[in-house]
Amino acid sequence: MTEYVVLIVGDANRWWTTMDEDQRKAGYAEYNRFAAELTERGHKIVGGAELHATTEAKRIPGAAGEPS
């Protein structure tokens, strides 16, 4: 079976700084609806995780010593 990677991109800063708990719950409910629809169509989700905040990101220097 073919495997896919799905990355759902959003405004992480908005998610954690301006959205209230009810709005975040609604967002998570939409992700759950997406997962349920995939399951109903015969697909299998084999993993998943929420990324850390962008403020926790690490920069890796490129070949010239500059962040890439």
N, C-alpha and C. Protein backbone atom coordinates (compact mmCIF):
# COMPACT_ATOMS: atom_id res chain seq x y z
N MET A 1 0.85 -1.17 0.00
CA MET A 1 0.00 0.00 0.00
C MET A 1 0.90 1.24 0.00
N THR A 2 0.51 2.24 -0.74
CA THR A 2 1.24 3.49 -0.80
C THR A 2 1.11 4.23 0.53
N GLU A 3 2.22 4.83 0.97
CA GLU A 3 2.20 5.63 2.20
C GLU A 3 2.43 7.09 1.85
N TYR A 4 1.78 7.96 2.57
CA TYR A 4 1.88 9.39 2.36
C TYR A 4 2.25 10.08 3.67
N VAL A 5 2.91 11.21 3.54
CA VAL A 5 3.16 12.08 4.68
C VAL A 5 2.27 13.30 4.49
N VAL A 6 1.49 13.62 5.50
CA VAL A 6 0.60 14.78 5.43
C VAL A 6 1.05 15.77 6.48
N LEU A 7 1.38 16.96 6.05
CA LEU A 7 1.76 18.03 6.96
C LEU A 7 0.70 19.11 6.87
N ILE A 8 0.02 19.36 7.97
CA ILE A 8 -1.01 20.39 8.02
C ILE A 8 -0.36 21.64 8.60
N VAL A 9 -0.28 22.66 7.79
CA VAL A 9 0.43 23.88 8.17
C VAL A 9 -0.58 24.94 8.62
N GLY A 10 -0.23 25.63 9.68
CA GLY A 10 -1.07 26.71 10.17
C GLY A 10 -0.22 27.78 10.83
N ASP A 11 -0.85 28.74 11.38
CA ASP A 11 -0.16 29.83 12.06
C ASP A 11 0.02 29.44 13.53
N ALA A 12 1.19 28.86 13.84
CA ALA A 12 1.45 28.36 15.19
C ALA A 12 1.39 29.48 16.23
N ASN A 13 1.89 30.65 15.88
CA ASN A 13 1.87 31.75 16.83
C ASN A 13 0.44 32.11 17.19
N ARG A 14 -0.43 32.20 16.20
CA ARG A 14 -1.85 32.51 16.44
C ARG A 14 -2.50 31.41 17.28
N TRP A 15 -2.17 30.16 16.96
CA TRP A 15 -2.76 29.01 17.65
C TRP A 15 -2.56 29.12 19.16
N TRP A 16 -1.36 29.51 19.59
CA TRP A 16 -1.04 29.51 21.02
C TRP A 16 -1.15 30.86 21.69
N THR A 17 -1.25 31.95 20.93
CA THR A 17 -1.26 33.26 21.58
C THR A 17 -2.60 33.99 21.48
N THR A 18 -3.37 33.78 20.42
CA THR A 18 -4.60 34.56 20.28
C THR A 18 -5.87 33.71 20.28
N MET A 19 -5.73 32.40 20.11
CA MET A 19 -6.92 31.55 20.11
C MET A 19 -7.22 31.09 21.54
N ASP A 20 -8.50 31.12 21.89
CA ASP A 20 -8.85 30.63 23.22
C ASP A 20 -9.00 29.10 23.19
N GLU A 21 -9.22 28.52 24.35
CA GLU A 21 -9.28 27.06 24.46
C GLU A 21 -10.37 26.46 23.58
N ASP A 22 -11.53 27.09 23.52
CA ASP A 22 -12.63 26.58 22.69
C ASP A 22 -12.26 26.58 21.21
N GLN A 23 -11.56 27.62 20.76
CA GLN A 23 -11.13 27.67 19.36
C GLN A 23 -10.11 26.57 19.07
N ARG A 24 -9.19 26.33 19.99
CA ARG A 24 -8.20 25.25 19.80
C ARG A 24 -8.90 23.90 19.80
N LYS A 25 -9.88 23.70 20.69
CA LYS A 25 -10.63 22.44 20.71
C LYS A 25 -11.34 22.23 19.38
N ALA A 26 -11.90 23.29 18.81
CA ALA A 26 -12.56 23.18 17.51
C ALA A 26 -11.55 22.80 16.43
N GLY A 27 -10.35 23.33 16.52
CA GLY A 27 -9.30 22.98 15.57
C GLY A 27 -8.92 21.52 15.67
N TYR A 28 -8.74 21.04 16.91
CA TYR A 28 -8.43 19.62 17.10
C TYR A 28 -9.58 18.74 16.62
N ALA A 29 -10.81 19.18 16.81
CA ALA A 29 -11.97 18.41 16.35
C ALA A 29 -11.94 18.27 14.83
N GLU A 30 -11.48 19.30 14.14
CA GLU A 30 -11.38 19.23 12.68
C GLU A 30 -10.32 18.23 12.26
N TYR A 31 -9.20 18.18 12.97
CA TYR A 31 -8.18 17.17 12.68
C TYR A 31 -8.75 15.77 12.91
N ASN A 32 -9.52 15.60 13.97
CA ASN A 32 -10.13 14.30 14.25
C ASN A 32 -11.13 13.91 13.17
N ARG A 33 -11.89 14.90 12.67
CA ARG A 33 -12.82 14.63 11.59
C ARG A 33 -12.08 14.17 10.34
N PHE A 34 -10.97 14.81 10.04
CA PHE A 34 -10.13 14.43 8.90
C PHE A 34 -9.64 12.99 9.06
N ALA A 35 -9.16 12.65 10.25
CA ALA A 35 -8.68 11.29 10.51
C ALA A 35 -9.80 10.27 10.36
N ALA A 36 -10.99 10.60 10.86
CA ALA A 36 -12.13 9.69 10.76
C ALA A 36 -12.53 9.47 9.30
N GLU A 37 -12.48 10.54 8.51
CA GLU A 37 -12.83 10.41 7.10
C GLU A 37 -11.82 9.52 6.37
N LEU A 38 -10.55 9.67 6.70
CA LEU A 38 -9.55 8.80 6.09
C LEU A 38 -9.82 7.35 6.44
N THR A 39 -10.12 7.09 7.70
CA THR A 39 -10.42 5.72 8.15
C THR A 39 -11.63 5.16 7.42
N GLU A 40 -12.68 5.96 7.29
CA GLU A 40 -13.89 5.53 6.59
C GLU A 40 -13.59 5.15 5.14
N ARG A 41 -12.59 5.78 4.55
CA ARG A 41 -12.24 5.52 3.15
C ARG A 41 -11.20 4.40 3.01
N GLY A 42 -10.89 3.74 4.14
CA GLY A 42 -10.00 2.58 4.08
C GLY A 42 -8.53 2.89 4.29
N HIS A 43 -8.21 4.11 4.67
CA HIS A 43 -6.81 4.46 4.91
C HIS A 43 -6.46 4.21 6.37
N LYS A 44 -5.16 4.06 6.62
CA LYS A 44 -4.70 3.80 7.98
C LYS A 44 -3.65 4.84 8.36
N ILE A 45 -3.89 5.56 9.44
CA ILE A 45 -2.91 6.52 9.95
C ILE A 45 -1.96 5.75 10.85
N VAL A 46 -0.67 5.79 10.53
CA VAL A 46 0.31 4.99 11.29
C VAL A 46 1.13 5.83 12.26
N GLY A 47 0.93 7.13 12.29
CA GLY A 47 1.66 7.97 13.22
C GLY A 47 1.15 9.39 13.15
N GLY A 48 1.63 10.20 14.04
CA GLY A 48 1.24 11.60 14.03
C GLY A 48 1.74 12.30 15.27
N ALA A 49 2.04 13.56 15.12
CA ALA A 49 2.51 14.33 16.26
C ALA A 49 2.36 15.81 15.95
N GLU A 50 2.18 16.57 17.00
CA GLU A 50 2.13 18.01 16.86
C GLU A 50 3.55 18.54 16.99
N LEU A 51 3.92 19.45 16.11
CA LEU A 51 5.25 20.02 16.17
C LEU A 51 5.38 20.96 17.37
N HIS A 52 6.60 21.17 17.81
CA HIS A 52 6.85 22.11 18.89
C HIS A 52 6.68 23.54 18.38
N ALA A 53 6.59 24.47 19.27
CA ALA A 53 6.47 25.89 18.92
C ALA A 53 7.70 26.34 18.14
N THR A 54 7.50 27.26 17.22
CA THR A 54 8.63 27.76 16.44
C THR A 54 9.66 28.45 17.32
N THR A 55 9.26 28.93 18.48
CA THR A 55 10.21 29.56 19.40
C THR A 55 11.20 28.54 19.97
N GLU A 56 10.88 27.25 19.86
CA GLU A 56 11.77 26.20 20.34
C GLU A 56 12.67 25.64 19.24
N ALA A 57 12.57 26.20 18.03
CA ALA A 57 13.33 25.68 16.89
C ALA A 57 14.82 25.89 17.07
N LYS A 58 15.60 24.98 16.50
CA LYS A 58 17.06 25.09 16.49
C LYS A 58 17.48 25.38 15.05
N ARG A 59 18.46 26.23 14.88
CA ARG A 59 18.98 26.54 13.55
C ARG A 59 20.26 25.77 13.34
N ILE A 60 20.39 25.18 12.18
CA ILE A 60 21.58 24.40 11.83
C ILE A 60 22.36 25.20 10.80
N PRO A 61 23.65 25.46 11.07
CA PRO A 61 24.45 26.24 10.12
C PRO A 61 24.58 25.52 8.78
N GLY A 62 24.53 26.28 7.69
CA GLY A 62 24.74 25.73 6.35
C GLY A 62 26.23 25.56 6.09
N ALA A 63 26.57 25.26 4.85
CA ALA A 63 27.96 25.00 4.48
C ALA A 63 28.88 26.20 4.74
N ALA A 64 28.37 27.41 4.58
CA ALA A 64 29.20 28.61 4.77
C ALA A 64 29.11 29.13 6.20
N GLY A 65 28.52 28.35 7.10
CA GLY A 65 28.40 28.78 8.49
C GLY A 65 27.18 29.63 8.75
N GLU A 66 26.40 29.93 7.71
CA GLU A 66 25.19 30.73 7.86
C GLU A 66 24.01 29.80 8.11
N PRO A 67 23.04 30.24 8.90
CA PRO A 67 21.84 29.41 9.09
C PRO A 67 21.15 29.15 7.76
N SER A 68 20.70 27.93 7.57
CA SER A 68 20.02 27.61 6.30
C SER A 68 18.52 27.70 6.47
